[in-house]
Amino acid sequence: MKKMLIILLLFQPLFQVTAQRDAFNLSPDLQITPLSERTYLHTFDNSNGIVFSDQDVALIVSTPPSDSATDLLIHWVRDSLHKEIIAWVIDRWHPDAMEGLDVVMKHNIPSFAYEQTRQIAKAKGLPVPETGFDPVLEIAVGNSLIHCEYFGPAHTRDGIVVYLPDEKILFGGNEVRNFNGWIGNIADASLSDWSATILKVKNAFPGAEIIIPGHGAPGRPELLDYTIQLYAPFKTTVEAADSLADFHRKLPADQEVFILQGTDTLMNNQAALLHARLYLKRKDRAFLIESPCIQNPHAGSYRSDEGTLKLIQFSDADPPTIVEGHYQSLFCDIQEDVIEMTLILRTFLPLKEDALFTP
């Protein structure tokens, strides 16, 4: 039973013409796009959030991935819209959704997030949103009620959506993809759950007319169908061999990248591996990349035009599970920060036949 906390380009992107006419910049990187008389899209370097206001108050979803841009957004709402910001909703733990949370707190603005987001932030030493909910939160903004809900893992294991019923606007965050054909960053994703999660979202809000993805242009409900179809092929298989878990467990804990196979060479004056097998290790998951060529332009950075990828998820109680497929255009960066790793794919098509992992 759900617990509720109540607080009184095959498709043309929506607003393609009006957004270009009405959008204005608060800074070179921070853009404001009116979606209606009460709702605005805030976009910083292609990362989206929304501002909703009614009467004398406002609610904001997602911070720009910049402290200075977050501060600028706060002053615009207060000084130009003349609204008191009564709530800031954080929709996931990644920096493109909560980088500016420390600024929000300095301004004494109440912040809200799914409880798992708060726990992840706490574990990573990040600012922690003040109030948690699980799985539903409704916030009264003037005469409107804003609905926030967690439906399941997708881009991250904690991402939520926010629905504005009076506006018929659904903010999907990074759970929803825009029409650019990219699979996106899957370093923290649950590929085999993604479609089912978005199907739940679609069924929960049949009245939604405007869909806001985490990145890119707003669209119609077809964005939900597109996202469902994009990730529908990915099914989890269970790796029966105990050798996979044993192999992963025996690797040095302080090392993340393991070259299982490859011949060193130079391509365009950059280091590269030919006939490469690369194993990227994280605490509870790993990525096995196999490619004719993996470029290594600098430490911790890997690029590959094509190959196969296995996403391996480990559990203390169950055997490892695997999602595997053929990719095109892989970009991976090992980072010395809370993100730890980004792994971005242009396309990813499931393998027709299962192939067991062999260390």
Protein backbone atom coordinates (compact mmCIF):
# COMPACT_ATOMS: atom_id res chain seq x y z
CA MET A 1 0.00 0.00 0.00
CA LYS A 2 1.42 3.40 -1.00
CA LYS A 3 2.33 5.89 1.66
CA MET A 4 1.55 9.52 0.90
CA LEU A 5 2.94 12.71 2.37
CA ILE A 6 0.67 15.71 1.63
CA ILE A 7 2.00 19.23 2.02
CA LEU A 8 -0.85 22.06 1.65
CA LEU A 9 13.72 13.22 -36.04
CA LEU A 10 10.65 11.44 -36.66
CA PHE A 11 8.69 13.60 -34.42
CA GLN A 12 8.53 17.38 -34.24
CA PRO A 13 9.49 18.60 -30.76
CA LEU A 14 6.73 20.46 -28.96
CA PHE A 15 7.03 24.27 -28.94
CA GLN A 16 9.65 24.12 -31.68
CA VAL A 17 8.59 27.57 -32.94
CA THR A 18 7.22 29.24 -29.80
CA ALA A 19 10.12 28.09 -27.62
CA GLN A 20 12.59 29.74 -29.97
CA ARG A 21 10.53 32.95 -29.96
CA ASP A 22 9.75 33.10 -26.24
CA ALA A 23 12.90 31.63 -24.68
CA PHE A 24 15.32 34.06 -23.03
CA ASN A 25 18.64 33.74 -21.27
CA LEU A 26 19.50 34.62 -17.69
CA SER A 27 23.14 33.87 -18.55
CA PRO A 28 24.96 32.43 -21.59
CA ASP A 29 24.24 28.89 -20.31
CA LEU A 30 20.95 29.29 -18.41
CA GLN A 31 17.83 29.57 -20.54
CA ILE A 32 14.19 30.08 -19.50
CA THR A 33 11.40 28.84 -21.79
CA PRO A 34 7.75 29.64 -20.95
CA LEU A 35 5.56 26.54 -21.30
CA SER A 36 2.41 28.24 -20.05
CA GLU A 37 1.46 31.31 -18.04
CA ARG A 38 2.50 29.50 -14.83
CA THR A 39 5.16 27.01 -15.91
CA TYR A 40 8.68 27.58 -17.17
CA LEU A 41 11.40 25.25 -18.40
CA HIS A 42 14.85 26.07 -17.02
CA THR A 43 17.73 24.66 -19.08
CA PHE A 44 21.41 24.80 -18.30
CA ASP A 45 23.78 23.19 -20.82
CA ASN A 46 20.95 20.93 -22.08
CA SER A 47 19.89 19.85 -18.56
CA ASN A 48 16.21 20.57 -17.87
CA GLY A 49 14.12 21.45 -14.84
CA ILE A 50 10.83 23.28 -14.31
CA VAL A 51 9.48 26.24 -12.37
CA PHE A 52 5.78 26.30 -11.48
CA SER A 53 4.06 29.21 -9.76
CA ASP A 54 0.55 29.97 -8.58
CA GLN A 55 -0.64 32.98 -6.65
CA ASP A 56 2.38 34.27 -4.69
CA VAL A 57 4.41 31.04 -4.43
CA ALA A 58 6.55 28.79 -6.62
CA LEU A 59 7.99 25.28 -6.76
CA ILE A 60 11.14 24.28 -8.68
CA VAL A 61 12.12 20.81 -9.88
CA SER A 62 15.80 19.90 -10.39
CA THR A 63 18.70 22.30 -9.92
CA PRO A 64 20.94 23.42 -12.76
CA PRO A 65 24.31 21.62 -12.65
CA SER A 66 25.94 24.84 -11.43
CA ASP A 67 25.89 26.72 -8.14
CA SER A 68 26.00 30.13 -9.80
CA ALA A 69 23.17 29.21 -12.20
CA THR A 70 21.08 27.90 -9.30
CA ASP A 71 21.59 31.19 -7.46
CA LEU A 72 20.66 33.11 -10.60
CA LEU A 73 17.49 31.05 -11.02
CA ILE A 74 16.48 31.72 -7.41
CA HIS A 75 16.90 35.48 -7.83
CA TRP A 76 14.93 35.44 -11.10
CA VAL A 77 11.96 33.70 -9.47
CA ARG A 78 12.05 36.04 -6.49
CA ASP A 79 12.86 39.33 -8.22
CA SER A 80 11.22 38.95 -11.65
CA LEU A 81 8.31 36.62 -10.97
CA HIS A 82 7.92 38.02 -7.44
CA LYS A 83 7.23 34.57 -6.02
CA GLU A 84 8.26 32.93 -2.77
CA ILE A 85 9.92 29.55 -3.46
CA ILE A 86 8.21 27.17 -1.04
CA ALA A 87 9.63 23.87 -2.34
CA TRP A 88 12.50 22.51 -4.41
CA VAL A 89 12.10 18.93 -5.62
CA ILE A 90 15.24 16.90 -6.40
CA ASP A 91 14.39 14.21 -8.93
CA ARG A 92 17.57 12.05 -8.75
CA TRP A 93 21.01 12.05 -7.16
CA HIS A 94 23.11 12.93 -10.23
CA PRO A 95 24.77 16.40 -10.35
CA ASP A 96 22.64 17.50 -13.30
CA ALA A 97 19.67 17.34 -10.92
CA MET A 98 21.11 18.41 -7.53
CA GLU A 99 24.47 20.11 -8.06
CA GLY A 100 22.98 23.38 -6.75
CA LEU A 101 21.31 21.90 -3.67
CA ASP A 102 23.82 23.52 -1.32
CA VAL A 103 22.79 26.93 -2.74
CA VAL A 104 19.12 26.05 -2.28
CA MET A 105 19.82 25.28 1.38
CA LYS A 106 21.75 28.52 1.89
CA HIS A 107 18.63 30.36 0.75
CA ASN A 108 16.57 28.40 3.33
CA ILE A 109 14.33 26.90 0.65
CA PRO A 110 12.68 23.61 1.72
CA SER A 111 13.95 20.66 -0.36
CA PHE A 112 12.31 17.30 -1.05
CA ALA A 113 13.46 14.03 -2.60
CA TYR A 114 12.63 10.35 -2.79
CA GLU A 115 14.04 8.70 0.34
CA GLN A 116 16.50 6.58 -1.63
CA THR A 117 17.93 9.75 -3.18
CA ARG A 118 18.54 11.08 0.32
CA GLN A 119 20.28 7.86 1.34
CA ILE A 120 22.51 7.86 -1.75
CA ALA A 121 23.41 11.51 -1.18
CA LYS A 122 24.25 10.79 2.46
CA ALA A 123 26.44 7.81 1.52
CA LYS A 124 28.33 9.86 -1.07
CA GLY A 125 28.89 12.83 1.23
CA LEU A 126 26.61 15.12 -0.81
CA PRO A 127 24.14 17.69 0.50
CA VAL A 128 21.03 15.80 1.60
CA PRO A 129 17.53 17.04 0.71
CA GLU A 130 15.66 17.93 3.88
CA THR A 131 12.48 15.89 3.52
CA GLY A 132 12.14 12.41 2.09
CA PHE A 133 9.10 10.56 0.77
CA ASP A 134 8.35 6.99 -0.31
CA PRO A 135 6.94 6.65 -2.88
CA VAL A 136 4.50 9.59 -3.26
CA LEU A 137 4.59 13.26 -2.31
CA GLU A 138 1.99 15.92 -3.06
CA ILE A 139 2.79 19.59 -2.52
CA ALA A 140 0.24 22.39 -2.51
CA VAL A 141 1.43 25.36 -4.58
CA GLY A 142 -1.19 28.09 -4.41
CA ASN A 143 -4.40 26.42 -5.54
CA SER A 144 -2.60 23.60 -7.37
CA LEU A 145 -1.41 20.22 -6.14
CA ILE A 146 1.90 18.95 -7.53
CA HIS A 147 2.37 15.17 -7.64
CA CYS A 148 5.82 13.55 -7.21
CA GLU A 149 6.21 9.78 -7.44
CA TYR A 150 8.78 7.01 -7.70
CA PHE A 151 7.82 4.21 -10.12
CA GLY A 152 10.96 2.08 -10.23
CA PRO A 153 14.57 1.97 -11.45
CA ALA A 154 15.47 3.32 -14.89
CA HIS A 155 18.27 5.81 -15.65
CA THR A 156 19.18 5.58 -11.96
CA ARG A 157 17.66 3.48 -9.21
CA ASP A 158 16.15 6.53 -7.51
CA GLY A 159 14.71 8.74 -10.26
CA ILE A 160 11.20 10.18 -9.85
CA VAL A 161 8.73 11.99 -12.09
CA VAL A 162 6.74 15.13 -11.26
CA TYR A 163 3.24 15.78 -12.63
CA LEU A 164 1.44 19.12 -12.82
CA PRO A 165 -2.19 18.03 -13.32
CA ASP A 166 -3.63 21.51 -13.86
CA GLU A 167 -1.03 22.14 -16.58
CA LYS A 168 -1.06 18.56 -17.92
CA ILE A 169 2.74 18.70 -17.82
CA LEU A 170 4.84 15.68 -16.83
CA PHE A 171 8.49 16.18 -15.90
CA GLY A 172 10.14 12.83 -16.61
CA GLY A 173 13.72 13.79 -15.85
CA ASN A 174 16.36 11.41 -17.13
CA GLU A 175 13.88 8.55 -16.91
CA VAL A 176 12.47 9.88 -20.21
CA ARG A 177 14.56 10.21 -23.38
CA ASN A 178 14.23 12.87 -26.06
CA PHE A 179 14.12 12.02 -29.76
CA ASN A 180 17.82 11.80 -30.51
CA GLY A 181 18.27 8.04 -30.74
CA TRP A 182 20.96 7.80 -28.07
CA ILE A 183 20.79 5.18 -25.35
CA GLY A 184 22.63 7.65 -23.10
CA ASN A 185 24.59 7.21 -19.88
CA ILE A 186 23.97 3.71 -18.52
CA ALA A 187 26.63 3.62 -15.80
CA ASP A 188 23.94 3.66 -13.08
CA ALA A 189 21.03 2.41 -15.20
CA SER A 190 18.72 -0.56 -14.80
CA LEU A 191 18.31 -1.37 -18.49
CA SER A 192 16.05 -4.39 -18.03
CA ASP A 193 13.63 -2.40 -15.78
CA TRP A 194 13.57 0.88 -17.69
CA SER A 195 10.71 0.15 -20.12
CA ALA A 196 8.46 -1.33 -17.44
CA THR A 197 9.04 1.69 -15.22
CA ILE A 198 8.08 4.17 -17.95
CA LEU A 199 5.03 2.08 -18.88
CA LYS A 200 3.86 2.51 -15.27
CA VAL A 201 4.42 6.27 -15.61
CA LYS A 202 2.44 6.39 -18.86
CA ASN A 203 -0.47 4.47 -17.35
CA ALA A 204 -0.48 6.63 -14.21
CA PHE A 205 -0.83 9.94 -16.08
CA PRO A 206 -3.03 9.40 -19.16
CA GLY A 207 -3.94 13.09 -19.16
CA ALA A 208 -0.37 14.32 -19.62
CA GLU A 209 0.00 16.37 -22.80
CA ILE A 210 3.47 17.87 -22.40
CA ILE A 211 6.43 15.63 -21.52
CA ILE A 212 9.70 17.13 -20.29
CA PRO A 213 12.79 14.90 -20.64
CA GLY A 214 15.88 15.45 -18.52
CA HIS A 215 17.76 16.59 -21.60
CA GLY A 216 16.54 17.95 -24.92
CA ALA A 217 13.29 19.39 -26.24
CA PRO A 218 9.87 18.88 -24.63
CA GLY A 219 7.47 16.63 -26.50
CA ARG A 220 4.09 14.97 -26.56
CA PRO A 221 3.23 11.64 -24.89
CA GLU A 222 5.02 9.93 -27.78
CA LEU A 223 8.20 10.59 -25.81
CA LEU A 224 7.03 8.01 -23.28
CA ASP A 225 6.34 5.48 -26.06
CA TYR A 226 9.72 6.24 -27.59
CA THR A 227 11.49 5.61 -24.27
CA ILE A 228 9.54 2.40 -23.68
CA GLN A 229 10.46 1.11 -27.13
CA LEU A 230 14.09 2.22 -26.81
CA TYR A 231 14.75 0.03 -23.78
CA ALA A 232 12.15 -2.72 -24.34
CA PRO A 233 14.60 -5.21 -25.93
CA PHE A 234 16.77 -5.46 -22.83
CA LYS A 235 16.09 -8.54 -20.76
CA THR A 236 18.18 -9.80 -17.88
CA THR A 237 19.77 -13.24 -18.14
CA VAL A 238 21.20 -15.13 -15.19
CA GLU A 239 24.84 -16.16 -15.42
CA ALA A 240 24.92 -19.69 -14.05
CA ALA A 241 28.69 -19.98 -13.72
CA ASP A 242 30.08 -19.15 -10.27
CA SER A 243 33.33 -18.16 -11.97
CA LEU A 244 31.98 -14.71 -12.79
CA ALA A 245 31.30 -13.72 -9.18
CA ASP A 246 34.57 -15.31 -8.06
CA PHE A 247 36.50 -13.44 -10.75
CA HIS A 248 34.94 -10.11 -9.77
CA ARG A 249 35.45 -10.65 -6.05
CA LYS A 250 39.15 -11.54 -6.40
CA LEU A 251 40.06 -8.40 -8.34
CA PRO A 252 41.98 -5.70 -6.41
CA ALA A 253 39.51 -3.44 -4.59
CA ASP A 254 41.46 -0.26 -5.36
CA GLN A 255 41.53 -0.78 -9.13
CA GLU A 256 38.67 -0.08 -11.54
CA VAL A 257 40.02 -0.86 -15.02
CA PHE A 258 41.38 -4.24 -16.08
CA ILE A 259 42.73 -5.00 -19.55
CA LEU A 260 41.92 -8.66 -20.13
CA GLN A 261 43.15 -8.64 -23.71
CA GLY A 262 44.58 -6.17 -26.18
CA THR A 263 47.56 -5.07 -28.24
CA ASP A 264 48.94 -1.59 -27.58
CA THR A 265 49.13 0.74 -30.57
CA LEU A 266 48.76 4.41 -31.57
CA MET A 267 45.86 5.87 -33.53
CA ASN A 268 45.89 9.56 -34.44
CA ASN A 269 48.74 9.99 -31.96
CA GLN A 270 46.58 8.57 -29.16
CA ALA A 271 46.97 5.34 -27.23
CA ALA A 272 44.69 2.51 -28.30
CA LEU A 273 44.11 -1.21 -27.80
CA LEU A 274 43.45 -3.56 -30.71
CA HIS A 275 41.31 -6.70 -30.28
CA ALA A 276 40.50 -5.42 -26.81
CA ARG A 277 38.61 -6.85 -23.83
CA LEU A 278 38.21 -4.26 -21.08
CA TYR A 279 36.65 -4.98 -17.68
CA LEU A 280 35.41 -1.96 -15.71
CA LYS A 281 34.77 -2.79 -12.06
CA ARG A 282 32.43 -1.10 -9.60
CA LYS A 283 31.21 -2.24 -6.20
CA ASP A 284 28.08 -4.09 -7.28
CA ARG A 285 28.31 -4.04 -11.06
CA ALA A 286 30.80 -4.33 -13.90
CA PHE A 287 31.04 -3.64 -17.63
CA LEU A 288 32.84 -5.95 -20.06
CA ILE A 289 33.70 -4.18 -23.32
CA GLU A 290 34.92 -6.19 -26.31
CA SER A 291 35.93 -4.25 -29.41
CA PRO A 292 38.27 -4.37 -32.43
CA CYS A 293 39.68 -1.08 -31.15
CA ILE A 294 39.36 0.93 -27.93
CA GLN A 295 41.03 4.32 -27.87
CA ASN A 296 42.49 5.66 -24.63
CA PRO A 297 43.10 9.38 -25.24
CA HIS A 298 44.00 10.01 -21.58
CA ALA A 299 43.94 8.22 -18.26
CA GLY A 300 40.49 6.97 -17.36
CA SER A 301 38.97 7.82 -20.75
CA TYR A 302 37.91 5.21 -23.31
CA ARG A 303 36.33 5.57 -26.76
CA SER A 304 35.14 2.90 -29.16
CA ASP A 305 33.21 3.00 -32.44
CA GLU A 306 31.64 -0.45 -32.09
CA GLY A 307 31.76 -3.71 -30.18
CA THR A 308 29.85 -5.72 -27.59
CA LEU A 309 29.07 -4.74 -24.02
CA LYS A 310 27.92 -6.74 -21.02
CA LEU A 311 26.41 -4.97 -18.02
CA ILE A 312 26.84 -7.33 -15.07
CA GLN A 313 24.92 -6.79 -11.83
CA PHE A 314 26.08 -8.55 -8.67
CA SER A 315 24.06 -9.44 -5.58
CA ASP A 316 25.04 -10.99 -2.27
CA ALA A 317 21.98 -13.25 -2.34
CA ASP A 318 21.52 -14.13 -6.03
CA PRO A 319 23.68 -15.12 -9.00
CA PRO A 320 24.98 -12.29 -11.22
CA THR A 321 22.60 -11.03 -13.90
CA ILE A 322 23.66 -9.76 -17.31
CA VAL A 323 22.33 -7.43 -20.00
CA GLU A 324 24.38 -7.65 -23.18
CA GLY A 325 24.35 -6.26 -26.67
CA HIS A 326 26.12 -4.73 -29.64
CA TYR A 327 26.90 -1.01 -29.35
CA GLN A 328 27.93 1.82 -31.61
CA SER A 329 29.79 4.87 -30.29
CA LEU A 330 30.86 4.20 -26.70
CA PHE A 331 32.27 6.94 -24.48
CA CYS A 332 33.48 6.03 -20.99
CA ASP A 333 35.12 8.21 -18.37
CA ILE A 334 36.34 7.10 -14.96
CA GLN A 335 35.94 10.14 -12.68
CA GLU A 336 37.50 11.04 -9.36
CA ASP A 337 34.26 12.39 -7.92
CA VAL A 338 30.87 11.19 -6.65
CA ILE A 339 29.76 10.17 -10.14
CA GLU A 340 32.69 7.70 -10.39
CA MET A 341 31.88 6.67 -13.95
CA THR A 342 29.92 7.74 -17.04
CA LEU A 343 29.31 5.25 -19.85
CA ILE A 344 27.43 6.71 -22.80
CA LEU A 345 26.19 4.74 -25.81
CA ARG A 346 24.71 5.92 -29.09
CA THR A 347 23.01 2.61 -29.92
CA PHE A 348 22.80 -0.71 -28.08
CA LEU A 349 21.09 -3.75 -29.59
CA PRO A 350 20.68 -7.00 -27.64
CA LEU A 351 22.66 -10.06 -28.70
CA LYS A 352 20.57 -12.69 -30.43
CA GLU A 353 22.32 -15.48 -28.60
CA ASP A 354 23.58 -15.59 -25.04
CA ALA A 355 27.33 -15.67 -24.64
CA LEU A 356 28.70 -16.73 -21.27
CA PHE A 357 31.37 -14.64 -19.61
CA THR A 358 34.82 -16.16 -19.67
CA PRO A 359 37.45 -14.39 -17.55
